[in-house]
């Protein structure tokens, strides 16, 4: 729960910093698509979509574990629709914006600027570097706990039904 409050605030601050420091969105949104190895744009587009969806695979795979506790099937529709479509898209736009801004501000190639932890190492403010690292660590730990705890608890109740059965049997 704390991660859902802290990380959007951190992301918004990072987004605003990128826009202000680069005096706009930077080159990413103004450059034409240029693929150097000749791969068709549609292929690269779907590779990028797959890359964006990949980290959410654990959550998508565990969706039945989360939804089984709903009182009715449609109860979880809006939270999943907002969480998996809107927020993931916003994260992608934030990432592209910060990458583009870092390319302008620090004159680094996109291959380095895509990594927010690398961008944080370029900051001159050590406190900002520390809090950025802390926020990303918190996000990774929080995501893994939330993504894996429900399915693991269901596995434990299967392995040890005597200790997980609360029905009184």
N, C-alpha and C. Protein backbone atom coordinates (compact mmCIF):
# COMPACT_ATOMS: atom_id res chain seq x y z
N UNK A 1 0.83 -1.19 0.00
CA UNK A 1 0.00 0.00 0.00
C UNK A 1 0.87 1.26 0.00
N UNK A 2 1.94 1.23 0.79
CA UNK A 2 2.83 2.39 0.85
C UNK A 2 3.48 2.65 -0.50
N UNK A 3 3.81 1.58 -1.21
CA UNK A 3 4.44 1.72 -2.53
C UNK A 3 3.51 2.44 -3.50
N UNK A 4 2.21 2.18 -3.41
CA UNK A 4 1.26 2.81 -4.31
C UNK A 4 1.11 4.31 -4.05
N UNK A 5 1.58 4.76 -2.91
CA UNK A 5 1.56 6.19 -2.61
C UNK A 5 2.92 6.82 -2.95
N UNK A 6 3.99 6.17 -2.53
CA UNK A 6 5.33 6.74 -2.69
C UNK A 6 5.78 6.78 -4.15
N UNK A 7 5.60 5.71 -4.89
CA UNK A 7 6.15 5.65 -6.24
C UNK A 7 5.46 6.60 -7.23
N UNK A 8 4.14 6.78 -7.20
CA UNK A 8 3.56 7.78 -8.10
C UNK A 8 4.07 9.20 -7.79
N UNK A 9 4.26 9.50 -6.53
CA UNK A 9 4.80 10.82 -6.17
C UNK A 9 6.22 10.94 -6.71
N UNK A 10 7.04 9.91 -6.48
CA UNK A 10 8.41 9.92 -7.00
C UNK A 10 8.41 10.02 -8.53
N UNK A 11 7.55 9.27 -9.18
CA UNK A 11 7.47 9.31 -10.64
C UNK A 11 7.07 10.69 -11.15
N UNK A 12 6.12 11.31 -10.49
CA UNK A 12 5.69 12.66 -10.89
C UNK A 12 6.81 13.67 -10.70
N UNK A 13 7.54 13.57 -9.57
CA UNK A 13 8.67 14.46 -9.33
C UNK A 13 9.75 14.25 -10.39
N UNK A 14 10.04 13.00 -10.72
CA UNK A 14 11.03 12.69 -11.75
C UNK A 14 10.60 13.23 -13.11
N UNK A 15 9.33 13.08 -13.42
CA UNK A 15 8.77 13.58 -14.68
C UNK A 15 8.89 15.10 -14.77
N UNK A 16 8.50 15.79 -13.70
CA UNK A 16 8.58 17.26 -13.68
C UNK A 16 10.04 17.71 -13.78
N UNK A 17 10.94 17.04 -13.03
CA UNK A 17 12.36 17.37 -13.12
C UNK A 17 12.85 17.26 -14.56
N UNK A 18 12.47 16.16 -15.23
CA UNK A 18 12.92 15.93 -16.60
C UNK A 18 12.43 17.03 -17.53
N UNK A 19 11.17 17.40 -17.41
CA UNK A 19 10.62 18.44 -18.28
C UNK A 19 11.28 19.79 -18.04
N UNK A 20 11.49 20.14 -16.78
CA UNK A 20 12.09 21.43 -16.44
C UNK A 20 13.56 21.47 -16.84
N UNK A 21 14.31 20.42 -16.48
CA UNK A 21 15.76 20.41 -16.74
C UNK A 21 16.08 20.36 -18.22
N UNK A 22 15.25 19.71 -19.01
CA UNK A 22 15.51 19.60 -20.45
C UNK A 22 14.76 20.65 -21.26
N UNK A 23 14.04 21.54 -20.59
CA UNK A 23 13.24 22.57 -21.28
C UNK A 23 12.26 21.95 -22.26
N UNK A 24 11.57 20.93 -21.83
CA UNK A 24 10.59 20.25 -22.68
C UNK A 24 10.83 18.75 -22.69
N UNK A 25 10.25 18.10 -23.66
CA UNK A 25 10.31 16.64 -23.71
C UNK A 25 11.62 16.09 -24.26
N UNK A 26 12.44 16.91 -24.84
CA UNK A 26 13.68 16.42 -25.41
C UNK A 26 13.45 15.83 -26.79
N UNK A 27 14.45 15.15 -27.33
CA UNK A 27 14.38 14.71 -28.73
C UNK A 27 13.48 13.50 -28.99
N UNK A 28 13.13 12.74 -27.98
CA UNK A 28 12.41 11.49 -28.22
C UNK A 28 11.10 11.69 -28.95
N UNK A 29 10.35 12.71 -28.59
CA UNK A 29 9.04 12.90 -29.18
C UNK A 29 9.07 13.73 -30.46
N UNK A 30 10.22 14.27 -30.81
CA UNK A 30 10.31 15.07 -32.03
C UNK A 30 11.08 14.37 -33.15
N UNK A 31 11.81 13.34 -32.84
CA UNK A 31 12.59 12.62 -33.85
C UNK A 31 11.69 11.62 -34.59
N UNK A 32 11.96 11.42 -35.88
CA UNK A 32 11.23 10.36 -36.59
C UNK A 32 11.75 8.99 -36.17
N UNK A 33 10.94 7.98 -36.41
CA UNK A 33 11.36 6.62 -36.10
C UNK A 33 12.49 6.23 -37.05
N UNK A 34 13.60 5.75 -36.47
CA UNK A 34 14.75 5.36 -37.29
C UNK A 34 15.31 4.06 -36.72
N UNK A 35 15.12 2.98 -37.45
CA UNK A 35 15.60 1.68 -37.00
C UNK A 35 16.81 1.33 -37.86
N UNK A 36 17.94 1.20 -37.22
CA UNK A 36 19.21 1.07 -37.92
C UNK A 36 19.42 -0.28 -38.59
N UNK A 37 18.84 -1.36 -38.04
CA UNK A 37 19.12 -2.68 -38.60
C UNK A 37 18.13 -3.12 -39.67
N UNK A 38 17.20 -2.25 -40.04
CA UNK A 38 16.27 -2.57 -41.12
C UNK A 38 15.04 -3.34 -40.71
N UNK A 39 14.87 -3.62 -39.43
CA UNK A 39 13.67 -4.32 -38.96
C UNK A 39 12.45 -3.45 -39.22
N UNK A 40 11.36 -4.03 -39.73
CA UNK A 40 10.15 -3.22 -39.97
C UNK A 40 9.63 -2.58 -38.68
N UNK A 41 9.08 -1.39 -38.81
CA UNK A 41 8.59 -0.63 -37.65
C UNK A 41 7.54 -1.43 -36.88
N UNK A 42 6.66 -2.13 -37.58
CA UNK A 42 5.60 -2.88 -36.90
C UNK A 42 6.19 -3.98 -36.01
N UNK A 43 7.27 -4.60 -36.45
CA UNK A 43 7.91 -5.65 -35.66
C UNK A 43 8.52 -5.04 -34.39
N UNK A 44 9.21 -3.93 -34.55
CA UNK A 44 9.81 -3.25 -33.40
C UNK A 44 8.72 -2.77 -32.44
N UNK A 45 7.61 -2.28 -32.99
CA UNK A 45 6.49 -1.83 -32.14
C UNK A 45 5.99 -2.98 -31.27
N UNK A 46 5.75 -4.14 -31.85
CA UNK A 46 5.25 -5.27 -31.06
C UNK A 46 6.31 -5.82 -30.11
N UNK A 47 7.58 -5.72 -30.47
CA UNK A 47 8.64 -6.09 -29.52
C UNK A 47 8.60 -5.17 -28.31
N UNK A 48 8.37 -3.89 -28.56
CA UNK A 48 8.31 -2.92 -27.45
C UNK A 48 7.07 -3.16 -26.58
N UNK A 49 5.94 -3.47 -27.22
CA UNK A 49 4.73 -3.78 -26.45
C UNK A 49 4.96 -5.00 -25.57
N UNK A 50 5.58 -6.03 -26.12
CA UNK A 50 5.88 -7.23 -25.36
C UNK A 50 6.83 -6.92 -24.20
N UNK A 51 7.82 -6.08 -24.46
CA UNK A 51 8.76 -5.69 -23.41
C UNK A 51 8.06 -4.92 -22.30
N UNK A 52 7.10 -4.10 -22.65
CA UNK A 52 6.37 -3.33 -21.64
C UNK A 52 5.44 -4.23 -20.82
N UNK A 53 4.87 -5.23 -21.47
CA UNK A 53 3.92 -6.11 -20.78
C UNK A 53 4.65 -7.18 -19.96
N UNK A 54 5.84 -7.58 -20.38
CA UNK A 54 6.59 -8.66 -19.74
C UNK A 54 6.70 -8.56 -18.23
N UNK A 55 7.08 -7.40 -17.69
CA UNK A 55 7.20 -7.33 -16.23
C UNK A 55 5.87 -7.53 -15.49
N UNK A 56 4.77 -7.38 -16.19
CA UNK A 56 3.46 -7.57 -15.56
C UNK A 56 2.98 -9.02 -15.67
N UNK A 57 3.80 -9.88 -16.24
CA UNK A 57 3.39 -11.26 -16.45
C UNK A 57 3.08 -11.98 -15.15
N UNK A 58 3.87 -11.72 -14.11
CA UNK A 58 3.63 -12.38 -12.83
C UNK A 58 2.27 -11.99 -12.28
N UNK A 59 1.96 -10.70 -12.35
CA UNK A 59 0.65 -10.26 -11.87
C UNK A 59 -0.48 -10.83 -12.71
N UNK A 60 -0.30 -10.87 -14.03
CA UNK A 60 -1.33 -11.42 -14.90
C UNK A 60 -1.52 -12.91 -14.64
N UNK A 61 -0.42 -13.61 -14.41
CA UNK A 61 -0.48 -15.04 -14.14
C UNK A 61 -1.18 -15.32 -12.81
N UNK A 62 -0.97 -14.44 -11.85
CA UNK A 62 -1.57 -14.63 -10.52
C UNK A 62 -2.94 -13.98 -10.38
N UNK A 63 -3.48 -13.46 -11.46
CA UNK A 63 -4.77 -12.78 -11.39
C UNK A 63 -5.86 -13.66 -10.77
N UNK A 64 -5.95 -14.95 -11.10
CA UNK A 64 -6.97 -15.77 -10.45
C UNK A 64 -6.81 -15.82 -8.92
N UNK A 65 -5.55 -15.76 -8.45
CA UNK A 65 -5.33 -15.75 -7.01
C UNK A 65 -5.89 -14.49 -6.38
N UNK A 66 -5.76 -13.36 -7.08
CA UNK A 66 -6.27 -12.10 -6.54
C UNK A 66 -7.78 -12.02 -6.65
N UNK A 67 -8.34 -12.50 -7.75
CA UNK A 67 -9.77 -12.31 -8.00
C UNK A 67 -10.65 -13.32 -7.27
N UNK A 68 -10.08 -14.40 -6.79
CA UNK A 68 -10.93 -15.39 -6.13
C UNK A 68 -11.56 -14.87 -4.84
N UNK A 69 -10.98 -13.80 -4.29
CA UNK A 69 -11.52 -13.22 -3.06
C UNK A 69 -12.56 -12.14 -3.32
N UNK A 70 -12.84 -11.85 -4.59
CA UNK A 70 -13.86 -10.86 -4.93
C UNK A 70 -15.25 -11.43 -4.65
N UNK A 71 -16.17 -10.57 -4.29
CA UNK A 71 -17.54 -11.02 -4.00
C UNK A 71 -18.29 -11.38 -5.28
N UNK A 72 -17.97 -10.67 -6.38
CA UNK A 72 -18.57 -10.99 -7.67
C UNK A 72 -17.53 -10.72 -8.76
N UNK A 73 -17.61 -11.41 -9.89
CA UNK A 73 -16.54 -11.37 -10.89
C UNK A 73 -16.19 -9.98 -11.43
N UNK A 74 -17.19 -9.12 -11.61
CA UNK A 74 -16.91 -7.81 -12.20
C UNK A 74 -16.33 -6.81 -11.19
N UNK A 75 -16.22 -7.21 -9.95
CA UNK A 75 -15.72 -6.32 -8.91
C UNK A 75 -14.29 -5.85 -9.19
N UNK A 76 -13.49 -6.69 -9.80
CA UNK A 76 -12.08 -6.36 -10.02
C UNK A 76 -11.79 -5.78 -11.40
N UNK A 77 -12.81 -5.62 -12.23
CA UNK A 77 -12.59 -5.16 -13.60
C UNK A 77 -11.93 -3.79 -13.65
N UNK A 78 -12.47 -2.81 -12.96
CA UNK A 78 -11.95 -1.44 -13.08
C UNK A 78 -10.56 -1.31 -12.47
N UNK A 79 -10.31 -1.97 -11.37
CA UNK A 79 -8.97 -1.87 -10.80
C UNK A 79 -7.93 -2.49 -11.72
N UNK A 80 -8.28 -3.60 -12.36
CA UNK A 80 -7.35 -4.21 -13.30
C UNK A 80 -7.20 -3.37 -14.56
N UNK A 81 -8.31 -2.83 -15.05
CA UNK A 81 -8.26 -2.01 -16.26
C UNK A 81 -7.40 -0.77 -16.03
N UNK A 82 -7.61 -0.10 -14.91
CA UNK A 82 -6.82 1.09 -14.61
C UNK A 82 -5.39 0.71 -14.30
N UNK A 83 -5.22 -0.30 -13.47
CA UNK A 83 -3.87 -0.68 -13.04
C UNK A 83 -3.01 -1.22 -14.15
N UNK A 84 -3.58 -2.04 -15.00
CA UNK A 84 -2.77 -2.68 -16.03
C UNK A 84 -2.73 -1.93 -17.35
N UNK A 85 -3.68 -1.04 -17.60
CA UNK A 85 -3.65 -0.33 -18.88
C UNK A 85 -3.22 1.13 -18.71
N UNK A 86 -3.90 1.84 -17.88
CA UNK A 86 -3.62 3.27 -17.74
C UNK A 86 -2.29 3.51 -17.04
N UNK A 87 -2.08 2.88 -15.90
CA UNK A 87 -0.86 3.13 -15.15
C UNK A 87 0.39 2.60 -15.84
N UNK A 88 0.29 1.46 -16.51
CA UNK A 88 1.44 0.93 -17.24
C UNK A 88 1.79 1.86 -18.40
N UNK A 89 0.78 2.40 -19.07
CA UNK A 89 1.02 3.37 -20.14
C UNK A 89 1.68 4.63 -19.60
N UNK A 90 1.20 5.10 -18.46
CA UNK A 90 1.80 6.29 -17.85
C UNK A 90 3.26 6.03 -17.47
N UNK A 91 3.57 4.85 -16.98
CA UNK A 91 4.96 4.51 -16.66
C UNK A 91 5.83 4.52 -17.90
N UNK A 92 5.30 4.03 -19.01
CA UNK A 92 6.05 4.05 -20.26
C UNK A 92 6.32 5.47 -20.74
N UNK A 93 5.33 6.34 -20.66
CA UNK A 93 5.52 7.74 -21.07
C UNK A 93 6.53 8.41 -20.14
N UNK A 94 6.42 8.14 -18.85
CA UNK A 94 7.38 8.71 -17.89
C UNK A 94 8.79 8.25 -18.22
N UNK A 95 8.96 6.97 -18.47
CA UNK A 95 10.28 6.44 -18.79
C UNK A 95 10.86 7.02 -20.06
N UNK A 96 10.03 7.15 -21.10
CA UNK A 96 10.51 7.74 -22.35
C UNK A 96 10.87 9.21 -22.16
N UNK A 97 10.09 9.92 -21.36
CA UNK A 97 10.37 11.34 -21.11
C UNK A 97 11.66 11.52 -20.34
N UNK A 98 11.86 10.76 -19.28
CA UNK A 98 13.09 10.88 -18.48
C UNK A 98 14.30 10.46 -19.31
N UNK A 99 14.17 9.42 -20.12
CA UNK A 99 15.26 9.00 -20.98
C UNK A 99 15.63 10.10 -21.96
N UNK A 100 14.62 10.67 -22.60
CA UNK A 100 14.86 11.74 -23.56
C UNK A 100 15.50 12.95 -22.89
N UNK A 101 15.01 13.31 -21.72
CA UNK A 101 15.57 14.46 -21.00
C UNK A 101 17.01 14.20 -20.59
N UNK A 102 17.31 12.99 -20.13
CA UNK A 102 18.68 12.67 -19.73
C UNK A 102 19.63 12.74 -20.92
N UNK A 103 19.15 12.37 -22.09
CA UNK A 103 19.97 12.48 -23.29
C UNK A 103 20.34 13.94 -23.57
N UNK A 104 19.40 14.84 -23.34
CA UNK A 104 19.63 16.26 -23.57
C UNK A 104 20.49 16.86 -22.46
N UNK A 105 20.15 16.59 -21.22
CA UNK A 105 20.82 17.23 -20.08
C UNK A 105 22.26 16.75 -19.93
N UNK A 106 22.47 15.45 -20.01
CA UNK A 106 23.79 14.88 -19.71
C UNK A 106 24.55 14.42 -20.95
N UNK A 107 23.95 14.56 -22.13
CA UNK A 107 24.59 14.17 -23.38
C UNK A 107 25.07 12.71 -23.33
N UNK A 108 24.17 11.84 -22.92
CA UNK A 108 24.46 10.41 -22.87
C UNK A 108 23.60 9.70 -23.92
N UNK A 109 24.06 8.57 -24.44
CA UNK A 109 23.25 7.83 -25.42
C UNK A 109 22.03 7.19 -24.75
N UNK A 110 21.04 6.90 -25.56
CA UNK A 110 19.81 6.28 -25.05
C UNK A 110 20.09 4.94 -24.38
N UNK A 111 21.14 4.24 -24.82
CA UNK A 111 21.47 2.94 -24.24
C UNK A 111 21.83 3.07 -22.75
N UNK A 112 22.26 4.25 -22.31
CA UNK A 112 22.54 4.48 -20.90
C UNK A 112 21.40 5.24 -20.21
N UNK A 113 20.79 6.17 -20.94
CA UNK A 113 19.79 7.05 -20.35
C UNK A 113 18.48 6.33 -20.01
N UNK A 114 18.26 5.15 -20.54
CA UNK A 114 17.01 4.44 -20.25
C UNK A 114 16.95 3.95 -18.82
N UNK A 115 18.10 3.81 -18.17
CA UNK A 115 18.16 3.26 -16.82
C UNK A 115 18.04 4.39 -15.79
N UNK A 116 16.93 4.45 -15.04
CA UNK A 116 16.76 5.56 -14.10
C UNK A 116 17.82 5.58 -13.00
N UNK A 117 18.35 4.42 -12.65
CA UNK A 117 19.41 4.40 -11.64
C UNK A 117 20.70 5.00 -12.19
N UNK A 118 20.97 4.78 -13.47
CA UNK A 118 22.13 5.41 -14.10
C UNK A 118 21.95 6.92 -14.15
N UNK A 119 20.75 7.36 -14.50
CA UNK A 119 20.47 8.80 -14.54
C UNK A 119 20.67 9.40 -13.15
N UNK A 120 20.25 8.70 -12.11
CA UNK A 120 20.42 9.21 -10.74
C UNK A 120 21.90 9.36 -10.38
N UNK A 121 22.75 8.50 -10.93
CA UNK A 121 24.19 8.64 -10.64
C UNK A 121 24.79 9.89 -11.27
N UNK A 122 24.11 10.44 -12.25
CA UNK A 122 24.60 11.66 -12.90
C UNK A 122 24.21 12.93 -12.13
N UNK A 123 23.28 12.81 -11.21
CA UNK A 123 22.85 13.97 -10.43
C UNK A 123 23.99 14.40 -9.51
N UNK A 124 24.07 15.69 -9.27
CA UNK A 124 25.10 16.22 -8.38
C UNK A 124 24.68 16.16 -6.91
N UNK A 125 23.42 16.03 -6.65
CA UNK A 125 22.90 16.03 -5.29
C UNK A 125 22.88 14.59 -4.75
N UNK A 126 23.74 14.33 -3.76
CA UNK A 126 23.84 12.96 -3.20
C UNK A 126 22.56 12.55 -2.48
N UNK A 127 21.88 13.49 -1.85
CA UNK A 127 20.61 13.16 -1.18
C UNK A 127 19.57 12.71 -2.20
N UNK A 128 19.53 13.38 -3.35
CA UNK A 128 18.60 12.98 -4.41
C UNK A 128 18.96 11.60 -4.94
N UNK A 129 20.26 11.32 -5.08
CA UNK A 129 20.69 10.00 -5.52
C UNK A 129 20.25 8.93 -4.52
N UNK A 130 20.43 9.22 -3.24
CA UNK A 130 20.06 8.26 -2.20
C UNK A 130 18.56 7.98 -2.22
N UNK A 131 17.75 9.04 -2.28
CA UNK A 131 16.30 8.85 -2.25
C UNK A 131 15.79 8.17 -3.52
N UNK A 132 16.43 8.44 -4.65
CA UNK A 132 16.05 7.75 -5.88
C UNK A 132 16.32 6.25 -5.75
N UNK A 133 17.52 5.91 -5.27
CA UNK A 133 17.85 4.50 -5.06
C UNK A 133 16.93 3.83 -4.05
N UNK A 134 16.62 4.56 -2.99
CA UNK A 134 15.72 4.04 -1.96
C UNK A 134 14.32 3.79 -2.53
N UNK A 135 13.82 4.74 -3.32
CA UNK A 135 12.49 4.57 -3.92
C UNK A 135 12.45 3.38 -4.87
N UNK A 136 13.48 3.23 -5.71
CA UNK A 136 13.50 2.11 -6.65
C UNK A 136 13.64 0.78 -5.91
N UNK A 137 14.43 0.75 -4.87
CA UNK A 137 14.55 -0.48 -4.07
C UNK A 137 13.22 -0.83 -3.43
N UNK A 138 12.57 0.17 -2.89
CA UNK A 138 11.26 -0.01 -2.26
C UNK A 138 10.24 -0.52 -3.29
N UNK A 139 10.31 0.01 -4.50
CA UNK A 139 9.38 -0.41 -5.55
C UNK A 139 9.59 -1.87 -5.93
N UNK A 140 10.84 -2.27 -6.08
CA UNK A 140 11.14 -3.66 -6.46
C UNK A 140 10.71 -4.62 -5.36
N UNK A 141 11.05 -4.30 -4.14
CA UNK A 141 10.67 -5.18 -3.02
C UNK A 141 9.15 -5.23 -2.87
N UNK A 142 8.50 -4.07 -2.92
CA UNK A 142 7.04 -4.03 -2.78
C UNK A 142 6.33 -4.78 -3.88
N UNK A 143 6.82 -4.65 -5.10
CA UNK A 143 6.20 -5.35 -6.22
C UNK A 143 6.36 -6.86 -6.07
N UNK A 144 7.55 -7.31 -5.70
CA UNK A 144 7.75 -8.75 -5.55
C UNK A 144 6.97 -9.33 -4.40
N UNK A 145 6.85 -8.61 -3.31
CA UNK A 145 6.05 -9.11 -2.19
C UNK A 145 4.58 -9.20 -2.60
N UNK A 146 4.06 -8.13 -3.20
CA UNK A 146 2.64 -8.14 -3.56
C UNK A 146 2.34 -9.14 -4.68
N UNK A 147 3.28 -9.31 -5.60
CA UNK A 147 3.03 -10.21 -6.73
C UNK A 147 3.13 -11.67 -6.33
N UNK A 148 3.90 -11.98 -5.30
CA UNK A 148 4.15 -13.37 -4.97
C UNK A 148 3.54 -13.85 -3.66
N UNK A 149 3.11 -12.96 -2.79
CA UNK A 149 2.64 -13.40 -1.48
C UNK A 149 1.31 -14.15 -1.53
N UNK A 150 0.39 -13.71 -2.39
CA UNK A 150 -0.92 -14.36 -2.44
C UNK A 150 -0.78 -15.78 -2.97
N UNK A 151 -0.07 -15.94 -4.08
CA UNK A 151 0.07 -17.30 -4.63
C UNK A 151 0.86 -18.20 -3.69
N UNK A 152 1.88 -17.64 -3.03
CA UNK A 152 2.66 -18.44 -2.08
C UNK A 152 1.81 -18.85 -0.88
N UNK A 153 0.97 -17.94 -0.40
CA UNK A 153 0.11 -18.30 0.74
C UNK A 153 -0.89 -19.38 0.34
N UNK A 154 -1.37 -19.32 -0.90
CA UNK A 154 -2.27 -20.38 -1.37
C UNK A 154 -1.53 -21.71 -1.48
N UNK A 155 -0.27 -21.66 -1.92
CA UNK A 155 0.54 -22.89 -1.97
C UNK A 155 0.76 -23.45 -0.57
N UNK A 156 1.06 -22.59 0.38
CA UNK A 156 1.26 -23.06 1.76
C UNK A 156 0.01 -23.71 2.33
N UNK A 157 -1.15 -23.12 2.04
CA UNK A 157 -2.38 -23.72 2.56
C UNK A 157 -2.67 -25.07 1.89
N UNK A 158 -2.19 -25.26 0.66
CA UNK A 158 -2.32 -26.55 0.00
C UNK A 158 -1.36 -27.57 0.60
N UNK A 159 -0.13 -27.15 0.87
CA UNK A 159 0.87 -28.06 1.42
C UNK A 159 0.58 -28.43 2.87
N UNK A 160 0.08 -27.49 3.62
CA UNK A 160 -0.17 -27.71 5.05
C UNK A 160 -1.62 -27.36 5.40
N UNK A 161 -2.57 -28.13 4.91
CA UNK A 161 -3.98 -27.79 5.11
C UNK A 161 -4.40 -27.77 6.58
N UNK A 162 -3.72 -28.55 7.39
CA UNK A 162 -4.05 -28.57 8.82
C UNK A 162 -3.84 -27.20 9.45
N UNK A 163 -2.81 -26.47 9.00
CA UNK A 163 -2.49 -25.17 9.59
C UNK A 163 -3.16 -24.02 8.85
N UNK A 164 -3.60 -24.25 7.60
CA UNK A 164 -4.19 -23.17 6.82
C UNK A 164 -5.68 -23.21 6.77
N UNK A 165 -6.31 -24.27 7.26
CA UNK A 165 -7.74 -24.41 7.21
C UNK A 165 -8.36 -23.72 8.40
N UNK A 166 -9.13 -22.67 8.12
CA UNK A 166 -9.77 -21.92 9.21
C UNK A 166 -11.24 -22.25 9.38
N UNK A 167 -11.71 -23.27 8.67
CA UNK A 167 -13.13 -23.61 8.75
C UNK A 167 -13.48 -24.44 9.98
N UNK A 168 -12.47 -24.86 10.73
CA UNK A 168 -12.73 -25.62 11.95
C UNK A 168 -12.72 -27.11 11.75
N UNK A 169 -12.42 -27.60 10.54
CA UNK A 169 -12.38 -29.05 10.28
C UNK A 169 -11.18 -29.70 10.92
